Amino acid sequence: MAAPMPPQLLSGESLVTTVRQHGAVLVPAAALSAVVIAVLLFLLHLVPSRVLNHPTGTATAIAMAVVVVVVVAWFLTRVLRWRLQTYTLTTHRIVLSRGVISRVTESIALDRIQDIVVRRPLAERLIRSGVVEIDSAGRDGVEVLRMIPQPNRFYTDVLQAVEAYRHLSLGYPVPIGGQPGASSPPPPPPYGSGTGL
């Protein structure tokens, strides 16, 4: 399946990285689909081959096919929804996109970000994912990005992008590799309160 198109970039803006939720979010949907099909097969096995002297084979096969098509279509819709839900970091903002038929796109300007926290519950640590919470000025509550693969990497990418954007807006040379040059003025204090355990 082709990757979704990146968001329309602003003038002078460039793409840093795009992430989506860990593929493990599809496990419950896959398990439910398998259970539904297994239960259907069991129930169809209990249907007698003839009812009132009429064979039931054709009706049983049609019912099985209809249910399988519905279940597979439902699961593929979940996969498509997961595929199209992306979190894109650029040099100016974080773009949150979701939706299959009706697309919704939001953005958080890097200069509005006040705090970033990474939380990694035990279950998510086992699959190398976690929760990234972004607190920004002008928004109601915290934006919670759940089950992000390698959340510490995304956290670091956001902090580096924020620092580079602040240097540009203040007219400082952009840090190379996240470290200010020797001739650069001291950078402002970094954003973010660190990662949760």
N, C-alpha and C. Protein backbone atom coordinates (compact mmCIF):
# COMPACT_ATOMS: atom_id res chain seq x y z
N MET A 1 0.85 -1.18 0.00
CA MET A 1 0.00 0.00 0.00
C MET A 1 0.89 1.24 0.00
N ALA A 2 0.60 2.19 -0.87
CA ALA A 2 1.44 3.38 -0.99
C ALA A 2 1.32 4.24 0.26
N ALA A 3 2.42 4.93 0.58
CA ALA A 3 2.42 5.82 1.74
C ALA A 3 1.56 7.04 1.44
N PRO A 4 0.89 7.60 2.48
CA PRO A 4 0.09 8.79 2.25
C PRO A 4 0.96 9.97 1.86
N MET A 5 0.36 10.90 1.12
CA MET A 5 1.09 12.08 0.70
C MET A 5 1.41 12.95 1.90
N PRO A 6 2.61 13.55 1.95
CA PRO A 6 2.93 14.46 3.04
C PRO A 6 2.06 15.70 2.96
N PRO A 7 1.91 16.42 4.08
CA PRO A 7 1.08 17.63 4.04
C PRO A 7 1.70 18.70 3.15
N GLN A 8 0.84 19.61 2.72
CA GLN A 8 1.32 20.73 1.91
C GLN A 8 2.28 21.57 2.75
N LEU A 9 3.52 21.71 2.29
CA LEU A 9 4.51 22.43 3.06
C LEU A 9 4.41 23.93 2.81
N LEU A 10 4.73 24.69 3.86
CA LEU A 10 4.72 26.13 3.76
C LEU A 10 6.01 26.61 3.09
N SER A 11 6.04 27.88 2.77
CA SER A 11 7.24 28.45 2.17
C SER A 11 8.40 28.37 3.16
N GLY A 12 9.51 27.80 2.74
CA GLY A 12 10.67 27.66 3.60
C GLY A 12 10.61 26.49 4.56
N GLU A 13 9.55 25.71 4.49
CA GLU A 13 9.36 24.57 5.40
C GLU A 13 9.84 23.30 4.72
N SER A 14 10.43 22.40 5.49
CA SER A 14 10.86 21.11 4.94
C SER A 14 10.48 19.99 5.90
N LEU A 15 10.35 18.80 5.33
CA LEU A 15 9.92 17.63 6.09
C LEU A 15 11.07 17.08 6.92
N VAL A 16 10.77 16.72 8.18
CA VAL A 16 11.77 16.11 9.05
C VAL A 16 11.51 14.61 9.16
N THR A 17 10.32 14.23 9.59
CA THR A 17 9.99 12.80 9.71
C THR A 17 8.48 12.63 9.79
N THR A 18 8.02 11.44 9.45
CA THR A 18 6.61 11.08 9.56
C THR A 18 6.51 9.76 10.29
N VAL A 19 5.64 9.70 11.30
CA VAL A 19 5.43 8.46 12.05
C VAL A 19 3.94 8.17 12.10
N ARG A 20 3.64 6.91 12.37
CA ARG A 20 2.25 6.51 12.61
C ARG A 20 2.26 5.54 13.79
N GLN A 21 1.10 5.21 14.27
CA GLN A 21 1.01 4.31 15.41
C GLN A 21 1.64 2.95 15.10
N HIS A 22 2.09 2.30 16.17
CA HIS A 22 2.68 0.97 16.04
C HIS A 22 1.65 0.02 15.42
N GLY A 23 2.11 -0.89 14.59
CA GLY A 23 1.23 -1.84 13.94
C GLY A 23 0.47 -2.72 14.92
N ALA A 24 0.92 -2.77 16.17
CA ALA A 24 0.24 -3.59 17.18
C ALA A 24 -1.18 -3.10 17.45
N VAL A 25 -1.50 -1.86 17.08
CA VAL A 25 -2.86 -1.37 17.31
C VAL A 25 -3.88 -2.16 16.48
N LEU A 26 -3.40 -2.88 15.47
CA LEU A 26 -4.29 -3.67 14.62
C LEU A 26 -4.55 -5.06 15.18
N VAL A 27 -3.82 -5.44 16.21
CA VAL A 27 -3.97 -6.80 16.76
C VAL A 27 -5.38 -7.06 17.28
N PRO A 28 -6.01 -6.15 18.07
CA PRO A 28 -7.38 -6.43 18.51
C PRO A 28 -8.35 -6.62 17.36
N ALA A 29 -8.24 -5.79 16.32
CA ALA A 29 -9.15 -5.93 15.17
C ALA A 29 -8.92 -7.25 14.45
N ALA A 30 -7.65 -7.65 14.30
CA ALA A 30 -7.35 -8.92 13.65
C ALA A 30 -7.88 -10.09 14.48
N ALA A 31 -7.71 -10.01 15.80
CA ALA A 31 -8.19 -11.09 16.68
C ALA A 31 -9.72 -11.18 16.63
N LEU A 32 -10.39 -10.02 16.65
CA LEU A 32 -11.86 -10.03 16.59
C LEU A 32 -12.35 -10.62 15.27
N SER A 33 -11.69 -10.26 14.18
CA SER A 33 -12.09 -10.80 12.87
C SER A 33 -11.92 -12.32 12.84
N ALA A 34 -10.80 -12.80 13.39
CA ALA A 34 -10.57 -14.25 13.41
C ALA A 34 -11.59 -14.97 14.27
N VAL A 35 -11.95 -14.37 15.39
CA VAL A 35 -12.95 -15.00 16.28
C VAL A 35 -14.31 -15.05 15.60
N VAL A 36 -14.70 -13.97 14.95
CA VAL A 36 -16.01 -13.94 14.27
C VAL A 36 -16.07 -15.02 13.19
N ILE A 37 -15.03 -15.15 12.40
CA ILE A 37 -15.03 -16.16 11.33
C ILE A 37 -15.01 -17.57 11.92
N ALA A 38 -14.25 -17.77 13.01
CA ALA A 38 -14.21 -19.09 13.64
C ALA A 38 -15.56 -19.48 14.22
N VAL A 39 -16.23 -18.52 14.86
CA VAL A 39 -17.56 -18.81 15.41
C VAL A 39 -18.54 -19.11 14.30
N LEU A 40 -18.44 -18.37 13.19
CA LEU A 40 -19.33 -18.61 12.06
C LEU A 40 -19.12 -20.02 11.50
N LEU A 41 -17.87 -20.40 11.35
CA LEU A 41 -17.59 -21.75 10.84
C LEU A 41 -18.16 -22.82 11.77
N PHE A 42 -18.04 -22.58 13.07
CA PHE A 42 -18.58 -23.54 14.03
C PHE A 42 -20.09 -23.64 13.93
N LEU A 43 -20.76 -22.48 13.83
CA LEU A 43 -22.23 -22.49 13.74
C LEU A 43 -22.70 -23.13 12.44
N LEU A 44 -21.99 -22.85 11.35
CA LEU A 44 -22.38 -23.44 10.08
C LEU A 44 -22.18 -24.95 10.08
N HIS A 45 -21.19 -25.39 10.86
CA HIS A 45 -20.96 -26.84 10.96
C HIS A 45 -22.14 -27.53 11.65
N LEU A 46 -22.86 -26.78 12.49
CA LEU A 46 -24.01 -27.35 13.19
C LEU A 46 -25.29 -27.37 12.36
N VAL A 47 -25.28 -26.63 11.24
CA VAL A 47 -26.47 -26.59 10.40
C VAL A 47 -26.63 -27.93 9.69
N PRO A 48 -27.82 -28.53 9.76
CA PRO A 48 -28.01 -29.82 9.06
C PRO A 48 -27.93 -29.64 7.55
N SER A 49 -27.58 -30.72 6.90
CA SER A 49 -27.42 -30.65 5.44
C SER A 49 -28.76 -30.49 4.72
N ARG A 50 -29.84 -30.90 5.37
CA ARG A 50 -31.18 -30.76 4.77
C ARG A 50 -32.15 -30.27 5.83
N VAL A 51 -33.01 -29.34 5.44
CA VAL A 51 -34.07 -28.83 6.31
C VAL A 51 -35.38 -28.92 5.53
N LEU A 52 -36.32 -29.67 6.08
CA LEU A 52 -37.62 -29.89 5.41
C LEU A 52 -37.42 -30.41 3.99
N ASN A 53 -36.49 -31.36 3.87
CA ASN A 53 -36.16 -32.00 2.61
C ASN A 53 -35.56 -31.06 1.57
N HIS A 54 -35.06 -29.90 2.02
CA HIS A 54 -34.40 -28.96 1.12
C HIS A 54 -32.92 -28.87 1.51
N PRO A 55 -32.02 -29.00 0.56
CA PRO A 55 -30.59 -28.90 0.88
C PRO A 55 -30.23 -27.48 1.35
N THR A 56 -29.34 -27.42 2.29
CA THR A 56 -28.93 -26.12 2.86
C THR A 56 -27.53 -25.71 2.42
N GLY A 57 -26.91 -26.51 1.59
CA GLY A 57 -25.53 -26.23 1.20
C GLY A 57 -25.33 -24.87 0.55
N THR A 58 -26.22 -24.54 -0.41
CA THR A 58 -26.07 -23.27 -1.12
C THR A 58 -26.28 -22.08 -0.20
N ALA A 59 -27.34 -22.12 0.61
CA ALA A 59 -27.62 -21.03 1.53
C ALA A 59 -26.49 -20.87 2.55
N THR A 60 -25.96 -21.98 3.01
CA THR A 60 -24.86 -21.92 3.97
C THR A 60 -23.62 -21.28 3.35
N ALA A 61 -23.31 -21.67 2.13
CA ALA A 61 -22.14 -21.11 1.45
C ALA A 61 -22.31 -19.61 1.21
N ILE A 62 -23.52 -19.19 0.83
CA ILE A 62 -23.77 -17.76 0.60
C ILE A 62 -23.62 -16.98 1.90
N ALA A 63 -24.19 -17.51 2.98
CA ALA A 63 -24.10 -16.83 4.27
C ALA A 63 -22.65 -16.71 4.71
N MET A 64 -21.89 -17.78 4.51
CA MET A 64 -20.47 -17.77 4.87
C MET A 64 -19.73 -16.71 4.06
N ALA A 65 -19.98 -16.67 2.76
CA ALA A 65 -19.28 -15.72 1.90
C ALA A 65 -19.60 -14.28 2.29
N VAL A 66 -20.89 -14.00 2.57
CA VAL A 66 -21.29 -12.64 2.94
C VAL A 66 -20.61 -12.20 4.22
N VAL A 67 -20.62 -13.06 5.22
CA VAL A 67 -20.02 -12.69 6.50
C VAL A 67 -18.51 -12.50 6.35
N VAL A 68 -17.85 -13.37 5.61
CA VAL A 68 -16.40 -13.24 5.42
C VAL A 68 -16.07 -11.94 4.70
N VAL A 69 -16.84 -11.59 3.67
CA VAL A 69 -16.59 -10.34 2.95
C VAL A 69 -16.78 -9.14 3.87
N VAL A 70 -17.82 -9.16 4.69
CA VAL A 70 -18.07 -8.05 5.62
C VAL A 70 -16.95 -7.93 6.63
N VAL A 71 -16.52 -9.05 7.20
CA VAL A 71 -15.47 -9.02 8.22
C VAL A 71 -14.15 -8.54 7.60
N VAL A 72 -13.81 -9.07 6.42
CA VAL A 72 -12.55 -8.67 5.78
C VAL A 72 -12.59 -7.19 5.41
N ALA A 73 -13.74 -6.71 4.91
CA ALA A 73 -13.86 -5.30 4.55
C ALA A 73 -13.72 -4.42 5.79
N TRP A 74 -14.31 -4.84 6.90
CA TRP A 74 -14.19 -4.08 8.15
C TRP A 74 -12.73 -4.02 8.60
N PHE A 75 -12.03 -5.15 8.53
CA PHE A 75 -10.63 -5.18 8.95
C PHE A 75 -9.77 -4.32 8.03
N LEU A 76 -9.99 -4.39 6.73
CA LEU A 76 -9.21 -3.58 5.79
C LEU A 76 -9.46 -2.10 6.00
N THR A 77 -10.67 -1.74 6.41
CA THR A 77 -10.96 -0.34 6.73
C THR A 77 -10.14 0.11 7.92
N ARG A 78 -10.01 -0.78 8.93
CA ARG A 78 -9.17 -0.47 10.09
C ARG A 78 -7.71 -0.29 9.67
N VAL A 79 -7.24 -1.16 8.79
CA VAL A 79 -5.86 -1.05 8.32
C VAL A 79 -5.65 0.26 7.57
N LEU A 80 -6.60 0.61 6.71
CA LEU A 80 -6.49 1.85 5.95
C LEU A 80 -6.51 3.06 6.87
N ARG A 81 -7.38 3.03 7.89
CA ARG A 81 -7.45 4.13 8.85
C ARG A 81 -6.11 4.28 9.58
N TRP A 82 -5.51 3.14 9.98
CA TRP A 82 -4.20 3.17 10.64
C TRP A 82 -3.14 3.73 9.69
N ARG A 83 -3.19 3.29 8.45
CA ARG A 83 -2.18 3.72 7.48
C ARG A 83 -2.24 5.22 7.22
N LEU A 84 -3.44 5.78 7.21
CA LEU A 84 -3.63 7.18 6.86
C LEU A 84 -3.56 8.12 8.06
N GLN A 85 -3.46 7.57 9.26
CA GLN A 85 -3.30 8.42 10.44
C GLN A 85 -1.81 8.64 10.69
N THR A 86 -1.34 9.84 10.42
CA THR A 86 0.09 10.12 10.48
C THR A 86 0.36 11.34 11.35
N TYR A 87 1.58 11.37 11.89
CA TYR A 87 2.08 12.50 12.65
C TYR A 87 3.36 12.96 11.95
N THR A 88 3.29 14.11 11.30
CA THR A 88 4.40 14.59 10.49
C THR A 88 5.08 15.77 11.17
N LEU A 89 6.39 15.64 11.35
CA LEU A 89 7.19 16.71 11.93
C LEU A 89 7.91 17.44 10.80
N THR A 90 7.74 18.75 10.75
CA THR A 90 8.46 19.57 9.78
C THR A 90 9.35 20.55 10.54
N THR A 91 10.02 21.40 9.81
CA THR A 91 10.88 22.39 10.44
C THR A 91 10.09 23.53 11.08
N HIS A 92 8.74 23.54 10.88
CA HIS A 92 7.92 24.61 11.43
C HIS A 92 6.81 24.14 12.35
N ARG A 93 6.38 22.87 12.22
CA ARG A 93 5.18 22.45 12.94
C ARG A 93 5.09 20.93 12.99
N ILE A 94 4.11 20.46 13.77
CA ILE A 94 3.73 19.05 13.79
C ILE A 94 2.34 18.97 13.18
N VAL A 95 2.19 18.16 12.14
CA VAL A 95 0.91 18.03 11.43
C VAL A 95 0.29 16.69 11.79
N LEU A 96 -0.93 16.73 12.30
CA LEU A 96 -1.68 15.53 12.68
C LEU A 96 -2.76 15.29 11.64
N SER A 97 -2.71 14.15 10.96
CA SER A 97 -3.68 13.85 9.90
C SER A 97 -4.36 12.52 10.20
N ARG A 98 -5.66 12.47 9.98
CA ARG A 98 -6.41 11.23 10.19
C ARG A 98 -7.65 11.24 9.31
N GLY A 99 -8.26 10.06 9.18
CA GLY A 99 -9.49 9.94 8.40
C GLY A 99 -9.26 9.24 7.08
N VAL A 100 -10.29 8.52 6.61
CA VAL A 100 -10.21 7.79 5.35
C VAL A 100 -10.98 8.54 4.27
N ILE A 101 -12.28 8.65 4.43
CA ILE A 101 -13.09 9.36 3.45
C ILE A 101 -13.06 10.86 3.75
N SER A 102 -13.34 11.20 4.99
CA SER A 102 -13.28 12.59 5.42
C SER A 102 -11.98 12.81 6.17
N ARG A 103 -11.07 13.59 5.60
CA ARG A 103 -9.75 13.81 6.19
C ARG A 103 -9.78 15.00 7.13
N VAL A 104 -9.10 14.86 8.27
CA VAL A 104 -8.96 15.94 9.26
C VAL A 104 -7.47 16.18 9.46
N THR A 105 -7.06 17.44 9.34
CA THR A 105 -5.65 17.79 9.51
C THR A 105 -5.54 18.93 10.51
N GLU A 106 -4.69 18.74 11.52
CA GLU A 106 -4.41 19.77 12.51
C GLU A 106 -2.91 20.01 12.52
N SER A 107 -2.50 21.17 13.01
CA SER A 107 -1.07 21.43 13.12
C SER A 107 -0.77 22.15 14.42
N ILE A 108 0.41 21.86 14.96
CA ILE A 108 0.91 22.51 16.17
C ILE A 108 2.20 23.21 15.78
N ALA A 109 2.21 24.53 15.87
CA ALA A 109 3.41 25.29 15.54
C ALA A 109 4.50 25.00 16.57
N LEU A 110 5.74 24.85 16.09
CA LEU A 110 6.83 24.51 17.00
C LEU A 110 7.06 25.58 18.05
N ASP A 111 6.81 26.86 17.70
CA ASP A 111 7.05 27.92 18.68
C ASP A 111 5.94 28.00 19.73
N ARG A 112 4.88 27.16 19.58
CA ARG A 112 3.81 27.12 20.57
C ARG A 112 3.96 25.96 21.55
N ILE A 113 4.90 25.06 21.27
CA ILE A 113 5.08 23.89 22.14
C ILE A 113 5.71 24.32 23.45
N GLN A 114 5.08 23.95 24.56
CA GLN A 114 5.56 24.31 25.89
C GLN A 114 6.23 23.14 26.61
N ASP A 115 5.76 21.95 26.34
CA ASP A 115 6.29 20.79 27.05
C ASP A 115 6.01 19.52 26.25
N ILE A 116 6.92 18.57 26.34
CA ILE A 116 6.75 17.26 25.70
C ILE A 116 7.13 16.19 26.72
N VAL A 117 6.29 15.19 26.85
CA VAL A 117 6.54 14.10 27.80
C VAL A 117 6.36 12.78 27.06
N VAL A 118 7.25 11.84 27.34
CA VAL A 118 7.13 10.48 26.80
C VAL A 118 6.81 9.54 27.94
N ARG A 119 5.77 8.76 27.78
CA ARG A 119 5.40 7.75 28.78
C ARG A 119 5.48 6.37 28.11
N ARG A 120 6.09 5.43 28.82
CA ARG A 120 6.26 4.09 28.25
C ARG A 120 5.80 3.04 29.25
N PRO A 121 4.50 2.72 29.26
CA PRO A 121 4.02 1.63 30.11
C PRO A 121 4.72 0.33 29.76
N LEU A 122 4.73 -0.61 30.71
CA LEU A 122 5.46 -1.86 30.52
C LEU A 122 5.04 -2.58 29.25
N ALA A 123 3.72 -2.67 29.02
CA ALA A 123 3.25 -3.41 27.84
C ALA A 123 3.77 -2.78 26.55
N GLU A 124 3.82 -1.46 26.50
CA GLU A 124 4.29 -0.79 25.29
C GLU A 124 5.81 -0.83 25.17
N ARG A 125 6.49 -0.89 26.29
CA ARG A 125 7.95 -1.01 26.23
C ARG A 125 8.36 -2.33 25.58
N LEU A 126 7.55 -3.36 25.76
CA LEU A 126 7.87 -4.67 25.18
C LEU A 126 7.84 -4.64 23.65
N ILE A 127 7.08 -3.73 23.08
CA ILE A 127 7.01 -3.64 21.62
C ILE A 127 7.67 -2.34 21.12
N ARG A 128 8.45 -1.72 22.00
CA ARG A 128 9.21 -0.50 21.65
C ARG A 128 8.31 0.63 21.17
N SER A 129 7.24 0.85 21.91
CA SER A 129 6.36 1.98 21.60
C SER A 129 6.07 2.73 22.88
N GLY A 130 5.36 3.83 22.77
CA GLY A 130 5.04 4.63 23.93
C GLY A 130 4.06 5.74 23.57
N VAL A 131 3.78 6.56 24.58
CA VAL A 131 2.85 7.67 24.43
C VAL A 131 3.64 8.97 24.46
N VAL A 132 3.38 9.84 23.50
CA VAL A 132 4.01 11.16 23.45
C VAL A 132 2.93 12.19 23.72
N GLU A 133 3.13 12.99 24.77
CA GLU A 133 2.17 14.04 25.13
C GLU A 133 2.78 15.39 24.80
N ILE A 134 2.05 16.19 24.03
CA ILE A 134 2.54 17.50 23.60
C ILE A 134 1.63 18.58 24.17
N ASP A 135 2.20 19.43 24.99
CA ASP A 135 1.46 20.55 25.58
C ASP A 135 1.86 21.82 24.84
N SER A 136 0.88 22.48 24.24
CA SER A 136 1.19 23.68 23.46
C SER A 136 0.24 24.80 23.86
N ALA A 137 0.71 26.03 23.71
CA ALA A 137 -0.09 27.20 24.03
C ALA A 137 -1.24 27.34 23.05
N GLY A 138 -2.39 27.77 23.56
CA GLY A 138 -3.54 28.01 22.70
C GLY A 138 -4.38 26.80 22.40
N ARG A 139 -4.07 25.63 22.97
CA ARG A 139 -4.86 24.42 22.73
C ARG A 139 -5.49 23.97 24.03
N ASP A 140 -6.69 23.40 23.94
CA ASP A 140 -7.38 22.89 25.12
C ASP A 140 -6.83 21.51 25.45
N GLY A 141 -6.10 21.41 26.54
CA GLY A 141 -5.56 20.14 26.97
C GLY A 141 -4.29 19.77 26.23
N VAL A 142 -3.86 18.54 26.47
CA VAL A 142 -2.61 18.03 25.91
C VAL A 142 -2.93 17.13 24.72
N GLU A 143 -2.16 17.26 23.65
CA GLU A 143 -2.30 16.37 22.49
C GLU A 143 -1.58 15.07 22.80
N VAL A 144 -2.31 13.96 22.80
CA VAL A 144 -1.75 12.66 23.17
C VAL A 144 -1.60 11.80 21.93
N LEU A 145 -0.37 11.44 21.60
CA LEU A 145 -0.09 10.54 20.49
C LEU A 145 0.21 9.17 21.06
N ARG A 146 -0.67 8.22 20.84
CA ARG A 146 -0.57 6.92 21.49
C ARG A 146 0.15 5.90 20.61
N MET A 147 0.84 4.98 21.27
CA MET A 147 1.53 3.86 20.63
C MET A 147 2.41 4.31 19.49
N ILE A 148 3.30 5.25 19.78
CA ILE A 148 4.25 5.73 18.79
C ILE A 148 5.49 4.84 18.81
N PRO A 149 5.90 4.28 17.68
CA PRO A 149 7.12 3.45 17.67
C PRO A 149 8.35 4.29 18.01
N GLN A 150 9.23 3.73 18.82
CA GLN A 150 10.46 4.41 19.23
C GLN A 150 10.16 5.86 19.62
N PRO A 151 9.37 6.06 20.68
CA PRO A 151 8.92 7.41 21.04
C PRO A 151 10.07 8.33 21.43
N ASN A 152 11.14 7.78 21.99
CA ASN A 152 12.27 8.64 22.38
C ASN A 152 12.92 9.29 21.17
N ARG A 153 12.95 8.58 20.04
CA ARG A 153 13.52 9.16 18.82
C ARG A 153 12.65 10.31 18.34
N PHE A 154 11.33 10.10 18.33
CA PHE A 154 10.42 11.17 17.90
C PHE A 154 10.53 12.36 18.85
N TYR A 155 10.62 12.08 20.14
CA TYR A 155 10.79 13.12 21.16
C TYR A 155 12.04 13.95 20.87
N THR A 156 13.15 13.28 20.59
CA THR A 156 14.41 13.99 20.29
C THR A 156 14.30 14.79 19.01
N ASP A 157 13.66 14.21 17.98
CA ASP A 157 13.49 14.93 16.72
C ASP A 157 12.68 16.22 16.92
N VAL A 158 11.64 16.15 17.75
CA VAL A 158 10.82 17.34 18.00
C VAL A 158 11.63 18.39 18.74
N LEU A 159 12.37 17.99 19.77
CA LEU A 159 13.17 18.96 20.53
C LEU A 159 14.22 19.63 19.64
N GLN A 160 14.87 18.84 18.79
CA GLN A 160 15.87 19.43 17.91
C GLN A 160 15.23 20.39 16.91
N ALA A 161 14.05 20.03 16.40
CA ALA A 161 13.35 20.91 15.46
C ALA A 161 12.92 22.20 16.16
N VAL A 162 12.46 22.09 17.41
CA VAL A 162 12.06 23.28 18.17
C VAL A 162 13.26 24.20 18.38
N GLU A 163 14.39 23.62 18.77
CA GLU A 163 15.58 24.44 19.01
C GLU A 163 16.06 25.11 17.72
N ALA A 164 16.07 24.38 16.62
CA ALA A 164 16.49 24.96 15.34
C ALA A 164 15.55 26.08 14.93
N TYR A 165 14.24 25.89 15.13
CA TYR A 165 13.27 26.92 14.77
C TYR A 165 13.45 28.16 15.64
N ARG A 166 13.74 27.98 16.92
CA ARG A 166 13.95 29.12 17.81
C ARG A 166 15.21 29.88 17.43
N HIS A 167 16.26 29.16 17.06
CA HIS A 167 17.48 29.83 16.62
C HIS A 167 17.23 30.67 15.37
N LEU A 168 16.46 30.09 14.42
CA LEU A 168 16.17 30.84 13.19
C LEU A 168 15.33 32.08 13.49
N SER A 169 14.33 31.93 14.36
CA SER A 169 13.45 33.07 14.65
C SER A 169 14.17 34.17 15.41
N LEU A 170 15.24 33.81 16.15
CA LEU A 170 16.01 34.81 16.89
C LEU A 170 17.21 35.32 16.10
N GLY A 171 17.39 34.77 14.89
CA GLY A 171 18.48 35.22 14.05
C GLY A 171 19.81 34.58 14.38
N TYR A 172 19.81 33.49 15.18
CA TYR A 172 21.05 32.79 15.50
C TYR A 172 21.37 31.79 14.40
N PRO A 173 22.65 31.40 14.26
CA PRO A 173 22.97 30.30 13.36
C PRO A 173 22.30 29.02 13.83
N VAL A 174 21.85 28.22 12.88
CA VAL A 174 21.17 26.97 13.23
C VAL A 174 22.20 25.99 13.79
N PRO A 175 21.92 25.34 14.95
CA PRO A 175 22.86 24.36 15.50
C PRO A 175 23.07 23.20 14.55
N ILE A 176 24.28 22.69 14.51
CA ILE A 176 24.61 21.52 13.69
C ILE A 176 24.63 20.30 14.60
N GLY A 177 23.83 19.32 14.27
CA GLY A 177 23.77 18.11 15.09
C GLY A 177 23.21 18.37 16.47
N GLY A 178 22.41 19.44 16.59
CA GLY A 178 21.79 19.71 17.88
C GLY A 178 22.69 20.46 18.84
N GLN A 179 23.93 20.80 18.42
CA GLN A 179 24.86 21.51 19.29
C GLN A 179 25.16 22.89 18.71
N PRO A 180 25.03 23.96 19.50
CA PRO A 180 25.33 25.29 18.97
C PRO A 180 26.80 25.42 18.65
N GLY A 181 27.12 26.23 17.63
CA GLY A 181 28.51 26.45 17.27
C GLY A 181 29.21 27.29 18.32
N ALA A 182 30.54 27.31 18.26
CA ALA A 182 31.31 28.01 19.28
C ALA A 182 31.06 29.50 19.22
N SER A 183 30.77 30.03 18.01
CA SER A 183 30.57 31.46 17.89
C SER A 183 29.12 31.87 18.08
N SER A 184 28.24 30.91 18.31
CA SER A 184 26.82 31.21 18.47
C SER A 184 26.56 31.73 19.86
N PRO A 185 25.59 32.65 20.02
CA PRO A 185 25.19 33.07 21.36
C PRO A 185 24.60 31.89 22.11
N PRO A 186 24.60 31.92 23.43
CA PRO A 186 24.03 30.81 24.19
C PRO A 186 22.57 30.62 23.82
N PRO A 187 22.16 29.39 23.55
CA PRO A 187 20.77 29.15 23.14
C PRO A 187 19.83 29.32 24.32
N PRO A 188 18.52 29.59 24.04
CA PRO A 188 17.54 29.63 25.11
C PRO A 188 17.42 28.26 25.76
N PRO A 189 16.85 28.18 26.98
CA PRO A 189 16.69 26.89 27.65
C PRO A 189 15.84 25.96 26.79
N PRO A 190 16.16 24.68 26.75
CA PRO A 190 15.41 23.74 25.90
C PRO A 190 14.02 23.49 26.40
N TYR A 191 13.16 23.13 25.47
CA TYR A 191 11.81 22.74 25.83
C TYR A 191 11.81 21.32 26.36
N GLY A 192 10.68 20.94 26.93
CA GLY A 192 10.49 19.54 27.30
C GLY A 192 10.89 19.26 28.72
N SER A 193 10.11 18.39 29.35
CA SER A 193 10.39 18.05 30.73
C SER A 193 10.99 16.67 30.84
N GLY A 194 11.30 16.05 29.70
CA GLY A 194 11.94 14.73 29.76
C GLY A 194 10.98 13.61 29.51
N THR A 195 11.44 12.41 29.75
CA THR A 195 10.62 11.24 29.47
C THR A 195 10.16 10.60 30.76
N GLY A 196 8.94 10.07 30.70
CA GLY A 196 8.41 9.36 31.86
C GLY A 196 8.89 7.94 31.88
N LEU A 197 8.85 7.31 33.01
CA LEU A 197 9.26 5.90 33.13
C LEU A 197 8.07 5.00 32.88
